[in-house]
């Protein structure tokens, strides 16, 4: 996987902070899941596969909204945020997509109180 040294260093730093906090090294999906939980306040003991996917979708929309790809439309009756895509995402290879998301995740954590 091709990744810039700066992005890789920043990602390792985030992983280390999350590992210190939660006791487990997270992958990108786990970090997105965590962001989704943070953004929705959704906390239940048992989460279905569909709910996990929904939480990760919220996270992706949230982190990409920082660059204007999505805009928050509002929350539904259950408090879940709904986003609308407002500009096309760039066409990228899968490893580039992962780096693109990681860079936005890092920006998200830079702006959050962690």
PDB file of N, CA and C in Angstrom:
ATOM      1  N   UNK A   1       0.843  -1.171   0.000  1.00  0.00           N
ATOM      2  CA  UNK A   1       0.000   0.000   0.000  1.00  0.00           C
ATOM      3  C   UNK A   1       0.889   1.234   0.000  1.00  0.00           C
ATOM      4  N   UNK A   2       0.613   2.143  -0.901  1.00  0.00           N
ATOM      5  CA  UNK A   2       1.358   3.391  -0.960  1.00  0.00           C
ATOM      6  C   UNK A   2       0.680   4.407  -0.057  1.00  0.00           C
ATOM      7  N   UNK A   3       1.452   4.974   0.840  1.00  0.00           N
ATOM      8  CA  UNK A   3       0.919   5.972   1.758  1.00  0.00           C
ATOM      9  C   UNK A   3       2.042   6.950   2.069  1.00  0.00           C
ATOM     10  N   UNK A   4       1.692   8.223   2.127  1.00  0.00           N
ATOM     11  CA  UNK A   4       2.745   9.197   2.415  1.00  0.00           C
ATOM     12  C   UNK A   4       3.251   8.989   3.836  1.00  0.00           C
ATOM     13  N   UNK A   5       4.519   9.288   4.038  1.00  0.00           N
ATOM     14  CA  UNK A   5       5.115   9.112   5.366  1.00  0.00           C
ATOM     15  C   UNK A   5       4.382   9.932   6.413  1.00  0.00           C
ATOM     16  N   UNK A   6       4.019  11.178   6.068  1.00  0.00           N
ATOM     17  CA  UNK A   6       3.317  12.045   7.008  1.00  0.00           C
ATOM     18  C   UNK A   6       1.957  11.448   7.399  1.00  0.00           C
ATOM     19  N   UNK A   7       1.201  10.992   6.414  1.00  0.00           N
ATOM     20  CA  UNK A   7      -0.102  10.392   6.697  1.00  0.00           C
ATOM     21  C   UNK A   7       0.076   9.146   7.552  1.00  0.00           C
ATOM     22  N   UNK A   8       1.045   8.321   7.219  1.00  0.00           N
ATOM     23  CA  UNK A   8       1.280   7.098   7.985  1.00  0.00           C
ATOM     24  C   UNK A   8       1.666   7.426   9.430  1.00  0.00           C
ATOM     25  N   UNK A   9       2.526   8.395   9.619  1.00  0.00           N
ATOM     26  CA  UNK A   9       2.942   8.776  10.975  1.00  0.00           C
ATOM     27  C   UNK A   9       1.750   9.293  11.778  1.00  0.00           C
ATOM     28  N   UNK A  10       0.942  10.138  11.154  1.00  0.00           N
ATOM     29  CA  UNK A  10      -0.238  10.682  11.856  1.00  0.00           C
ATOM     30  C   UNK A  10      -1.228   9.567  12.181  1.00  0.00           C
ATOM     31  N   UNK A  11      -1.386   8.604  11.250  1.00  0.00           N
ATOM     32  CA  UNK A  11      -2.315   7.494  11.479  1.00  0.00           C
ATOM     33  C   UNK A  11      -1.819   6.625  12.647  1.00  0.00           C
ATOM     34  N   UNK A  12      -0.536   6.330  12.668  1.00  0.00           N
ATOM     35  CA  UNK A  12       0.026   5.538  13.770  1.00  0.00           C
ATOM     36  C   UNK A  12      -0.168   6.257  15.097  1.00  0.00           C
ATOM     37  N   UNK A  13      -0.037   7.588  15.083  1.00  0.00           N
ATOM     38  CA  UNK A  13      -0.260   8.363  16.303  1.00  0.00           C
ATOM     39  C   UNK A  13      -1.699   8.233  16.795  1.00  0.00           C
ATOM     40  N   UNK A  14      -2.656   8.292  15.863  1.00  0.00           N
ATOM     41  CA  UNK A  14      -4.064   8.113  16.236  1.00  0.00           C
ATOM     42  C   UNK A  14      -4.301   6.703  16.759  1.00  0.00           C
ATOM     43  N   UNK A  15      -3.750   5.716  16.072  1.00  0.00           N
ATOM     44  CA  UNK A  15      -3.892   4.330  16.537  1.00  0.00           C
ATOM     45  C   UNK A  15      -3.354   4.174  17.955  1.00  0.00           C
ATOM     46  N   UNK A  16      -2.215   4.779  18.223  1.00  0.00           N
ATOM     47  CA  UNK A  16      -1.606   4.669  19.559  1.00  0.00           C
ATOM     48  C   UNK A  16      -2.499   5.311  20.615  1.00  0.00           C
ATOM     49  N   UNK A  17      -3.061   6.472  20.310  1.00  0.00           N
ATOM     50  CA  UNK A  17      -3.958   7.135  21.268  1.00  0.00           C
ATOM     51  C   UNK A  17      -5.211   6.307  21.517  1.00  0.00           C
ATOM     52  N   UNK A  18      -5.771   5.729  20.465  1.00  0.00           N
ATOM     53  CA  UNK A  18      -6.978   4.914  20.624  1.00  0.00           C
ATOM     54  C   UNK A  18      -6.664   3.611  21.352  1.00  0.00           C
ATOM     55  N   UNK A  19      -5.486   3.053  21.079  1.00  0.00           N
ATOM     56  CA  UNK A  19      -5.075   1.822  21.759  1.00  0.00           C
ATOM     57  C   UNK A  19      -4.894   2.087  23.254  1.00  0.00           C
ATOM     58  N   UNK A  20      -4.324   3.225  23.570  1.00  0.00           N
ATOM     59  CA  UNK A  20      -4.140   3.606  24.973  1.00  0.00           C
ATOM     60  C   UNK A  20      -5.489   3.773  25.672  1.00  0.00           C
ATOM     61  N   UNK A  21      -6.436   4.340  24.949  1.00  0.00           N
ATOM     62  CA  UNK A  21      -7.760   4.608  25.531  1.00  0.00           C
ATOM     63  C   UNK A  21      -8.617   3.345  25.633  1.00  0.00           C
ATOM     64  N   UNK A  22      -8.565   2.486  24.604  1.00  0.00           N
ATOM     65  CA  UNK A  22      -9.468   1.335  24.545  1.00  0.00           C
ATOM     66  C   UNK A  22      -8.781  -0.013  24.731  1.00  0.00           C
ATOM     67  N   UNK A  23      -7.455  -0.030  24.763  1.00  0.00           N
ATOM     68  CA  UNK A  23      -6.732  -1.269  25.005  1.00  0.00           C
ATOM     69  C   UNK A  23      -6.638  -2.199  23.819  1.00  0.00           C
ATOM     70  N   UNK A  24      -6.975  -1.701  22.636  1.00  0.00           N
ATOM     71  CA  UNK A  24      -6.961  -2.544  21.448  1.00  0.00           C
ATOM     72  C   UNK A  24      -6.621  -1.678  20.236  1.00  0.00           C
ATOM     73  N   UNK A  25      -5.741  -2.181  19.369  1.00  0.00           N
ATOM     74  CA  UNK A  25      -5.372  -1.430  18.172  1.00  0.00           C
ATOM     75  C   UNK A  25      -6.527  -1.481  17.169  1.00  0.00           C
ATOM     76  N   UNK A  26      -7.038  -0.313  16.794  1.00  0.00           N
ATOM     77  CA  UNK A  26      -8.184  -0.298  15.877  1.00  0.00           C
ATOM     78  C   UNK A  26      -7.754  -0.276  14.412  1.00  0.00           C
ATOM     79  N   UNK A  27      -8.563  -0.893  13.563  1.00  0.00           N
ATOM     80  CA  UNK A  27      -8.362  -0.725  12.125  1.00  0.00           C
ATOM     81  C   UNK A  27      -9.272   0.421  11.669  1.00  0.00           C
ATOM     82  N   UNK A  28      -9.251   0.733  10.398  1.00  0.00           N
ATOM     83  CA  UNK A  28     -10.032   1.856   9.883  1.00  0.00           C
ATOM     84  C   UNK A  28     -11.525   1.661  10.145  1.00  0.00           C
ATOM     85  N   UNK A  29     -12.029   0.446   9.959  1.00  0.00           N
ATOM     86  CA  UNK A  29     -13.451   0.188  10.197  1.00  0.00           C
ATOM     87  C   UNK A  29     -13.826   0.443  11.652  1.00  0.00           C
ATOM     88  N   UNK A  30     -12.975   0.038  12.579  1.00  0.00           N
ATOM     89  CA  UNK A  30     -13.247   0.266  14.000  1.00  0.00           C
ATOM     90  C   UNK A  30     -13.258   1.754  14.323  1.00  0.00           C
ATOM     91  N   UNK A  31     -12.356   2.502  13.704  1.00  0.00           N
ATOM     92  CA  UNK A  31     -12.308   3.946  13.937  1.00  0.00           C
ATOM     93  C   UNK A  31     -13.571   4.600  13.380  1.00  0.00           C
ATOM     94  N   UNK A  32     -14.005   4.176  12.197  1.00  0.00           N
ATOM     95  CA  UNK A  32     -15.244   4.711  11.623  1.00  0.00           C
ATOM     96  C   UNK A  32     -16.439   4.362  12.505  1.00  0.00           C
ATOM     97  N   UNK A  33     -16.475   3.150  13.023  1.00  0.00           N
ATOM     98  CA  UNK A  33     -17.535   2.724  13.927  1.00  0.00           C
ATOM     99  C   UNK A  33     -17.566   3.632  15.163  1.00  0.00           C
ATOM    100  N   UNK A  34     -16.396   3.913  15.716  1.00  0.00           N
ATOM    101  CA  UNK A  34     -16.277   4.780  16.886  1.00  0.00           C
ATOM    102  C   UNK A  34     -16.797   6.194  16.577  1.00  0.00           C
ATOM    103  N   UNK A  35     -16.427   6.729  15.418  1.00  0.00           N
ATOM    104  CA  UNK A  35     -16.902   8.060  15.020  1.00  0.00           C
ATOM    105  C   UNK A  35     -18.421   8.038  14.867  1.00  0.00           C
ATOM    106  N   UNK A  36     -18.945   6.989  14.259  1.00  0.00           N
ATOM    107  CA  UNK A  36     -20.395   6.869  14.099  1.00  0.00           C
ATOM    108  C   UNK A  36     -21.120   6.863  15.434  1.00  0.00           C
ATOM    109  N   UNK A  37     -20.561   6.149  16.388  1.00  0.00           N
ATOM    110  CA  UNK A  37     -21.161   6.130  17.727  1.00  0.00           C
ATOM    111  C   UNK A  37     -21.084   7.514  18.367  1.00  0.00           C
ATOM    112  N   UNK A  38     -19.959   8.182  18.186  1.00  0.00           N
ATOM    113  CA  UNK A  38     -19.777   9.527  18.729  1.00  0.00           C
ATOM    114  C   UNK A  38     -20.799  10.498  18.128  1.00  0.00           C
ATOM    115  N   UNK A  39     -20.989  10.416  16.833  1.00  0.00           N
ATOM    116  CA  UNK A  39     -21.865  11.360  16.133  1.00  0.00           C
ATOM    117  C   UNK A  39     -23.348  11.102  16.382  1.00  0.00           C
ATOM    118  N   UNK A  40     -23.712   9.865  16.655  1.00  0.00           N
ATOM    119  CA  UNK A  40     -25.130   9.537  16.851  1.00  0.00           C
ATOM    120  C   UNK A  40     -25.512   9.426  18.317  1.00  0.00           C
ATOM    121  N   UNK A  41     -24.525   9.181  19.169  1.00  0.00           N
ATOM    122  CA  UNK A  41     -24.838   8.915  20.572  1.00  0.00           C
ATOM    123  C   UNK A  41     -25.481   7.548  20.744  1.00  0.00           C
ATOM    124  N   UNK A  42     -25.400   6.713  19.712  1.00  0.00           N
ATOM    125  CA  UNK A  42     -26.040   5.394  19.714  1.00  0.00           C
ATOM    126  C   UNK A  42     -25.230   4.436  20.566  1.00  0.00           C
ATOM    127  N   UNK A  43     -25.799   4.049  21.690  1.00  0.00           N
ATOM    128  CA  UNK A  43     -25.122   3.131  22.605  1.00  0.00           C
ATOM    129  C   UNK A  43     -26.127   2.071  23.070  1.00  0.00           C
ATOM    130  N   UNK A  44     -25.946   0.885  22.591  1.00  0.00           N
ATOM    131  CA  UNK A  44     -26.740  -0.257  23.056  1.00  0.00           C
ATOM    132  C   UNK A  44     -25.785  -1.411  23.289  1.00  0.00           C
ATOM    133  N   UNK A  45     -26.244  -2.371  24.079  1.00  0.00           N
ATOM    134  CA  UNK A  45     -25.375  -3.493  24.423  1.00  0.00           C
ATOM    135  C   UNK A  45     -25.078  -4.377  23.220  1.00  0.00           C
ATOM    136  N   UNK A  46     -26.080  -4.663  22.417  1.00  0.00           N
ATOM    137  CA  UNK A  46     -25.907  -5.541  21.254  1.00  0.00           C
ATOM    138  C   UNK A  46     -26.272  -4.753  20.002  1.00  0.00           C
ATOM    139  N   UNK A  47     -25.313  -4.666  19.085  1.00  0.00           N
ATOM    140  CA  UNK A  47     -25.511  -3.911  17.855  1.00  0.00           C
ATOM    141  C   UNK A  47     -25.528  -4.888  16.687  1.00  0.00           C
ATOM    142  N   UNK A  48     -26.536  -4.750  15.827  1.00  0.00           N
ATOM    143  CA  UNK A  48     -26.645  -5.635  14.669  1.00  0.00           C
ATOM    144  C   UNK A  48     -25.633  -5.231  13.590  1.00  0.00           C
ATOM    145  N   UNK A  49     -25.422  -6.129  12.661  1.00  0.00           N
ATOM    146  CA  UNK A  49     -24.510  -5.861  11.547  1.00  0.00           C
ATOM    147  C   UNK A  49     -24.995  -4.644  10.761  1.00  0.00           C
ATOM    148  N   UNK A  50     -26.298  -4.545  10.555  1.00  0.00           N
ATOM    149  CA  UNK A  50     -26.867  -3.408   9.824  1.00  0.00           C
ATOM    150  C   UNK A  50     -26.634  -2.101  10.581  1.00  0.00           C
ATOM    151  N   UNK A  51     -26.789  -2.125  11.891  1.00  0.00           N
ATOM    152  CA  UNK A  51     -26.544  -0.924  12.694  1.00  0.00           C
ATOM    153  C   UNK A  51     -25.078  -0.516  12.629  1.00  0.00           C
ATOM    154  N   UNK A  52     -24.174  -1.497  12.643  1.00  0.00           N
ATOM    155  CA  UNK A  52     -22.744  -1.193  12.509  1.00  0.00           C
ATOM    156  C   UNK A  52     -22.467  -0.519  11.172  1.00  0.00           C
ATOM    157  N   UNK A  53     -23.066  -1.039  10.111  1.00  0.00           N
ATOM    158  CA  UNK A  53     -22.892  -0.445   8.782  1.00  0.00           C
ATOM    159  C   UNK A  53     -23.460   0.973   8.756  1.00  0.00           C
ATOM    160  N   UNK A  54     -24.610   1.172   9.385  1.00  0.00           N
ATOM    161  CA  UNK A  54     -25.225   2.500   9.439  1.00  0.00           C
ATOM    162  C   UNK A  54     -24.323   3.482  10.190  1.00  0.00           C
ATOM    163  N   UNK A  55     -23.743   3.034  11.299  1.00  0.00           N
ATOM    164  CA  UNK A  55     -22.849   3.891  12.075  1.00  0.00           C
ATOM    165  C   UNK A  55     -21.606   4.257  11.266  1.00  0.00           C
ATOM    166  N   UNK A  56     -21.066   3.303  10.531  1.00  0.00           N
ATOM    167  CA  UNK A  56     -19.895   3.580   9.705  1.00  0.00           C
ATOM    168  C   UNK A  56     -20.252   4.522   8.553  1.00  0.00           C
ATOM    169  N   UNK A  57     -21.460   4.387   8.010  1.00  0.00           N
ATOM    170  CA  UNK A  57     -21.915   5.281   6.940  1.00  0.00           C
ATOM    171  C   UNK A  57     -22.020   6.715   7.461  1.00  0.00           C
ATOM    172  N   UNK A  58     -22.594   6.877   8.646  1.00  0.00           N
ATOM    173  CA  UNK A  58     -22.683   8.201   9.268  1.00  0.00           C
ATOM    174  C   UNK A  58     -21.272   8.784   9.416  1.00  0.00           C
ATOM    175  N   UNK A  59     -20.341   7.950   9.868  1.00  0.00           N
ATOM    176  CA  UNK A  59     -18.963   8.409  10.071  1.00  0.00           C
ATOM    177  C   UNK A  59     -18.331   8.877   8.768  1.00  0.00           C
ATOM    178  N   UNK A  60     -18.487   8.103   7.715  1.00  0.00           N
ATOM    179  CA  UNK A  60     -17.902   8.474   6.424  1.00  0.00           C
ATOM    180  C   UNK A  60     -18.501   9.796   5.945  1.00  0.00           C
ATOM    181  N   UNK A  61     -19.814   9.929   6.054  1.00  0.00           N
ATOM    182  CA  UNK A  61     -20.457  11.183   5.647  1.00  0.00           C
ATOM    183  C   UNK A  61     -19.940  12.344   6.486  1.00  0.00           C
ATOM    184  N   UNK A  62     -19.820  12.137   7.791  1.00  0.00           N
ATOM    185  CA  UNK A  62     -19.353  13.192   8.690  1.00  0.00           C
ATOM    186  C   UNK A  62     -17.938  13.621   8.336  1.00  0.00           C
ATOM    187  N   UNK A  63     -17.030  12.666   8.197  1.00  0.00           N
ATOM    188  CA  UNK A  63     -15.635  13.051   7.942  1.00  0.00           C
ATOM    189  C   UNK A  63     -15.477  13.680   6.561  1.00  0.00           C
ATOM    190  N   UNK A  64     -16.234  13.217   5.576  1.00  0.00           N
ATOM    191  CA  UNK A  64     -16.124  13.796   4.236  1.00  0.00           C
ATOM    192  C   UNK A  64     -16.880  15.119   4.120  1.00  0.00           C
ATOM    193  N   UNK A  65     -17.762  15.404   5.066  1.00  0.00           N
ATOM    194  CA  UNK A  65     -18.461  16.695   5.059  1.00  0.00           C
ATOM    195  C   UNK A  65     -17.478  17.836   5.335  1.00  0.00           C
ATOM    196  N   UNK A  66     -16.366  17.517   5.984  1.00  0.00           N
ATOM    197  CA  UNK A  66     -15.337  18.518   6.272  1.00  0.00           C
ATOM    198  C   UNK A  66     -14.750  19.116   4.998  1.00  0.00           C
ATOM    199  N   UNK A  67     -14.808  18.359   3.910  1.00  0.00           N
ATOM    200  CA  UNK A  67     -14.281  18.826   2.625  1.00  0.00           C
ATOM    201  C   UNK A  67     -15.399  19.152   1.636  1.00  0.00           C
ATOM    202  N   UNK A  68     -16.618  19.207   2.127  1.00  0.00           N
ATOM    203  CA  UNK A  68     -17.744  19.617   1.293  1.00  0.00           C
ATOM    204  C   UNK A  68     -18.341  18.541   0.407  1.00  0.00           C
ATOM    205  N   UNK A  69     -18.011  17.281   0.649  1.00  0.00           N
ATOM    206  CA  UNK A  69     -18.592  16.213  -0.165  1.00  0.00           C
ATOM    207  C   UNK A  69     -20.008  15.859   0.283  1.00  0.00           C
ATOM    208  N   UNK A  70     -20.284  16.034   1.556  1.00  0.00           N
ATOM    209  CA  UNK A  70     -21.606  15.766   2.112  1.00  0.00           C
ATOM    210  C   UNK A  70     -22.022  16.958   2.957  1.00  0.00           C
ATOM    211  N   UNK A  71     -23.341  17.132   3.089  1.00  0.00           N
ATOM    212  CA  UNK A  71     -23.883  18.176   3.956  1.00  0.00           C
ATOM    213  C   UNK A  71     -24.950  17.546   4.842  1.00  0.00           C
ATOM    214  N   UNK A  72     -24.955  17.931   6.083  1.00  0.00           N
ATOM    215  CA  UNK A  72     -25.943  17.433   7.030  1.00  0.00           C
ATOM    216  C   UNK A  72     -27.297  18.019   6.678  1.00  0.00           C
ATOM    217  N   UNK A  73     -28.276  17.142   6.461  1.00  0.00           N
ATOM    218  CA  UNK A  73     -29.645  17.592   6.185  1.00  0.00           C
ATOM    219  C   UNK A  73     -30.415  17.804   7.480  1.00  0.00           C
ATOM    220  N   UNK A  74     -30.067  17.022   8.488  1.00  0.00           N
ATOM    221  CA  UNK A  74     -30.761  17.099   9.769  1.00  0.00           C
ATOM    222  C   UNK A  74     -30.821  15.721  10.399  1.00  0.00           C
ATOM    223  N   UNK A  75     -31.475  15.652  11.524  1.00  0.00           N
ATOM    224  CA  UNK A  75     -31.605  14.385  12.237  1.00  0.00           C
ATOM    225  C   UNK A  75     -33.040  13.884  12.131  1.00  0.00           C
ATOM    226  N   UNK A  76     -33.184  12.560  12.103  1.00  0.00           N
ATOM    227  CA  UNK A  76     -34.523  11.988  12.065  1.00  0.00           C
ATOM    228  C   UNK A  76     -35.104  11.928  13.480  1.00  0.00           C
ATOM    229  N   UNK A  77     -36.293  11.360  13.600  1.00  0.00           N
ATOM    230  CA  UNK A  77     -36.987  11.302  14.892  1.00  0.00           C
ATOM    231  C   UNK A  77     -36.205  10.516  15.937  1.00  0.00           C
ATOM    232  N   UNK A  78     -35.359   9.591  15.494  1.00  0.00           N
ATOM    233  CA  UNK A  78     -34.551   8.800  16.425  1.00  0.00           C
ATOM    234  C   UNK A  78     -33.208   9.456  16.738  1.00  0.00           C
ATOM    235  N   UNK A  79     -32.965  10.630  16.162  1.00  0.00           N
ATOM    236  CA  UNK A  79     -31.730  11.352  16.424  1.00  0.00           C
ATOM    237  C   UNK A  79     -30.581  11.009  15.494  1.00  0.00           C
ATOM    238  N   UNK A  80     -30.832  10.182  14.489  1.00  0.00           N
ATOM    239  CA  UNK A  80     -29.771   9.801  13.551  1.00  0.00           C
ATOM    240  C   UNK A  80     -29.583  10.901  12.521  1.00  0.00           C
ATOM    241  N   UNK A  81     -28.330  11.314  12.287  1.00  0.00           N
ATOM    242  CA  UNK A  81     -28.069  12.341  11.274  1.00  0.00           C
ATOM    243  C   UNK A  81     -28.237  11.776   9.863  1.00  0.00           C
ATOM    244  N   UNK A  82     -28.719  12.643   8.979  1.00  0.00           N
ATOM    245  CA  UNK A  82     -28.860  12.274   7.564  1.00  0.00           C
ATOM    246  C   UNK A  82     -28.099  13.291   6.731  1.00  0.00           C
ATOM    247  N   UNK A  83     -27.314  12.769   5.809  1.00  0.00           N
ATOM    248  CA  UNK A  83     -26.458  13.591   4.963  1.00  0.00           C
ATOM    249  C   UNK A  83     -26.878  13.468   3.508  1.00  0.00           C
ATOM    250  N   UNK A  84     -26.583  14.522   2.758  1.00  0.00           N
ATOM    251  CA  UNK A  84     -26.793  14.490   1.317  1.00  0.00           C
ATOM    252  C   UNK A  84     -25.453  14.729   0.647  1.00  0.00           C
ATOM    253  N   UNK A  85     -25.164  13.953  -0.377  1.00  0.00           N
ATOM    254  CA  UNK A  85     -23.930  14.164  -1.123  1.00  0.00           C
ATOM    255  C   UNK A  85     -24.109  15.419  -1.969  1.00  0.00           C
ATOM    256  N   UNK A  86     -23.150  16.339  -1.864  1.00  0.00           N
ATOM    257  CA  UNK A  86     -23.276  17.611  -2.577  1.00  0.00           C
ATOM    258  C   UNK A  86     -22.241  17.777  -3.692  1.00  0.00           C
ATOM    259  N   UNK A  87     -21.203  16.958  -3.678  1.00  0.00           N
ATOM    260  CA  UNK A  87     -20.279  16.965  -4.819  1.00  0.00           C
ATOM    261  C   UNK A  87     -19.719  15.567  -5.001  1.00  0.00           C
ATOM    262  N   UNK A  88     -19.319  15.313  -6.235  1.00  0.00           N
ATOM    263  CA  UNK A  88     -18.819  13.987  -6.591  1.00  0.00           C
ATOM    264  C   UNK A  88     -17.483  13.701  -5.898  1.00  0.00           C
ATOM    265  N   UNK A  89     -17.351  12.478  -5.458  1.00  0.00           N
ATOM    266  CA  UNK A  89     -16.074  12.036  -4.896  1.00  0.00           C
ATOM    267  C   UNK A  89     -15.105  11.748  -6.037  1.00  0.00           C
ATOM    268  N   UNK A  90     -13.827  12.005  -5.825  1.00  0.00           N
ATOM    269  CA  UNK A  90     -12.853  11.715  -6.883  1.00  0.00           C
ATOM    270  C   UNK A  90     -12.751  10.206  -7.124  1.00  0.00           C
ATOM    271  N   UNK A  91     -12.455   9.853  -8.344  1.00  0.00           N
ATOM    272  CA  UNK A  91     -12.260   8.449  -8.696  1.00  0.00           C
ATOM    273  C   UNK A  91     -10.846   8.067  -8.265  1.00  0.00           C
ATOM    274  N   UNK A  92     -10.768   6.991  -7.467  1.00  0.00           N
ATOM    275  CA  UNK A  92      -9.469   6.574  -6.931  1.00  0.00           C
ATOM    276  C   UNK A  92      -9.408   5.053  -6.872  1.00  0.00           C
ATOM    277  N   UNK A  93      -8.187   4.551  -6.854  1.00  0.00           N
ATOM    278  CA  UNK A  93      -7.970   3.135  -6.595  1.00  0.00           C
ATOM    279  C   UNK A  93      -8.274   2.861  -5.120  1.00  0.00           C
ATOM    280  N   UNK A  94      -8.467   1.612  -4.771  1.00  0.00           N
ATOM    281  CA  UNK A  94      -8.886   1.276  -3.401  1.00  0.00           C
ATOM    282  C   UNK A  94      -7.906   1.755  -2.336  1.00  0.00           C
ATOM    283  N   UNK A  95      -6.599   1.626  -2.561  1.00  0.00           N
ATOM    284  CA  UNK A  95      -5.641   2.089  -1.559  1.00  0.00           C
ATOM    285  C   UNK A  95      -5.676   3.613  -1.437  1.00  0.00           C
ATOM    286  N   UNK A  96      -5.949   4.297  -2.533  1.00  0.00           N
ATOM    287  CA  UNK A  96      -6.073   5.758  -2.486  1.00  0.00           C
ATOM    288  C   UNK A  96      -7.336   6.162  -1.721  1.00  0.00           C
ATOM    289  N   UNK A  97      -8.410   5.405  -1.904  1.00  0.00           N
ATOM    290  CA  UNK A  97      -9.649   5.673  -1.165  1.00  0.00           C
ATOM    291  C   UNK A  97      -9.416   5.543   0.335  1.00  0.00           C
ATOM    292  N   UNK A  98      -8.700   4.501   0.717  1.00  0.00           N
ATOM    293  CA  UNK A  98      -8.415   4.284   2.130  1.00  0.00           C
ATOM    294  C   UNK A  98      -7.601   5.444   2.698  1.00  0.00           C
ATOM    295  N   UNK A  99      -6.593   5.888   1.978  1.00  0.00           N
ATOM    296  CA  UNK A  99      -5.783   7.015   2.435  1.00  0.00           C
ATOM    297  C   UNK A  99      -6.609   8.301   2.492  1.00  0.00           C
ATOM    298  N   UNK A 100      -7.493   8.482   1.538  1.00  0.00           N
ATOM    299  CA  UNK A 100      -8.385   9.642   1.490  1.00  0.00           C
ATOM    300  C   UNK A 100      -9.265   9.673   2.743  1.00  0.00           C
ATOM    301  N   UNK A 101      -9.831   8.523   3.084  1.00  0.00           N
ATOM    302  CA  UNK A 101     -10.679   8.429   4.287  1.00  0.00           C
ATOM    303  C   UNK A 101      -9.816   8.632   5.538  1.00  0.00           C
ATOM    304  N   UNK A 102      -8.668   7.999   5.595  1.00  0.00           N
ATOM    305  CA  UNK A 102      -7.792   8.152   6.768  1.00  0.00           C
ATOM    306  C   UNK A 102      -7.432   9.612   6.995  1.00  0.00           C
ATOM    307  N   UNK A 103      -7.108  10.324   5.930  1.00  0.00           N
ATOM    308  CA  UNK A 103      -6.749  11.730   6.053  1.00  0.00           C
ATOM    309  C   UNK A 103      -7.919  12.534   6.635  1.00  0.00           C
ATOM    310  N   UNK A 104      -9.129  12.236   6.203  1.00  0.00           N
ATOM    311  CA  UNK A 104     -10.315  12.921   6.726  1.00  0.00           C
ATOM    312  C   UNK A 104     -10.611  12.510   8.172  1.00  0.00           C
ATOM    313  N   UNK A 105     -10.369  11.261   8.506  1.00  0.00           N
ATOM    314  CA  UNK A 105     -10.538  10.798   9.889  1.00  0.00           C
ATOM    315  C   UNK A 105      -9.567  11.543  10.802  1.00  0.00           C
ATOM    316  N   UNK A 106      -8.331  11.680  10.355  1.00  0.00           N
ATOM    317  CA  UNK A 106      -7.333  12.397  11.148  1.00  0.00           C
ATOM    318  C   UNK A 106      -7.750  13.854  11.362  1.00  0.00           C
ATOM    319  N   UNK A 107      -8.282  14.480  10.331  1.00  0.00           N
ATOM    320  CA  UNK A 107      -8.773  15.856  10.450  1.00  0.00           C
ATOM    321  C   UNK A 107      -9.911  15.912  11.469  1.00  0.00           C
ATOM    322  N   UNK A 108     -10.795  14.943  11.420  1.00  0.00           N
ATOM    323  CA  UNK A 108     -11.907  14.873  12.368  1.00  0.00           C
ATOM    324  C   UNK A 108     -11.374  14.836  13.806  1.00  0.00           C
ATOM    325  N   UNK A 109     -10.407  13.974  14.056  1.00  0.00           N
ATOM    326  CA  UNK A 109      -9.869  13.855  15.428  1.00  0.00           C
ATOM    327  C   UNK A 109      -9.074  15.093  15.840  1.00  0.00           C
ATOM    328  N   UNK A 110      -8.468  15.771  14.891  1.00  0.00           N
ATOM    329  CA  UNK A 110      -7.765  17.017  15.217  1.00  0.00           C
ATOM    330  C   UNK A 110      -8.749  18.082  15.697  1.00  0.00           C
ATOM    331  N   UNK A 111      -9.964  18.030  15.190  1.00  0.00           N
ATOM    332  CA  UNK A 111     -10.963  19.038  15.530  1.00  0.00           C
ATOM    333  C   UNK A 111     -11.807  18.658  16.741  1.00  0.00           C
ATOM    334  N   UNK A 112     -11.702  17.421  17.202  1.00  0.00           N
ATOM    335  CA  UNK A 112     -12.490  16.945  18.341  1.00  0.00           C
ATOM    336  C   UNK A 112     -11.667  16.989  19.612  1.00  0.00           C
ATOM    337  N   UNK A 113     -12.364  17.142  20.720  1.00  0.00           N
ATOM    338  CA  UNK A 113     -11.703  17.010  22.024  1.00  0.00           C
ATOM    339  C   UNK A 113     -11.544  15.526  22.261  1.00  0.00           C
ATOM    340  N   UNK A 114     -10.314  15.074  22.364  1.00  0.00           N
ATOM    341  CA  UNK A 114     -10.063  13.632  22.484  1.00  0.00           C
ATOM    342  C   UNK A 114      -9.381  13.347  23.783  1.00  0.00           C
TER     343      UNK A 114
END
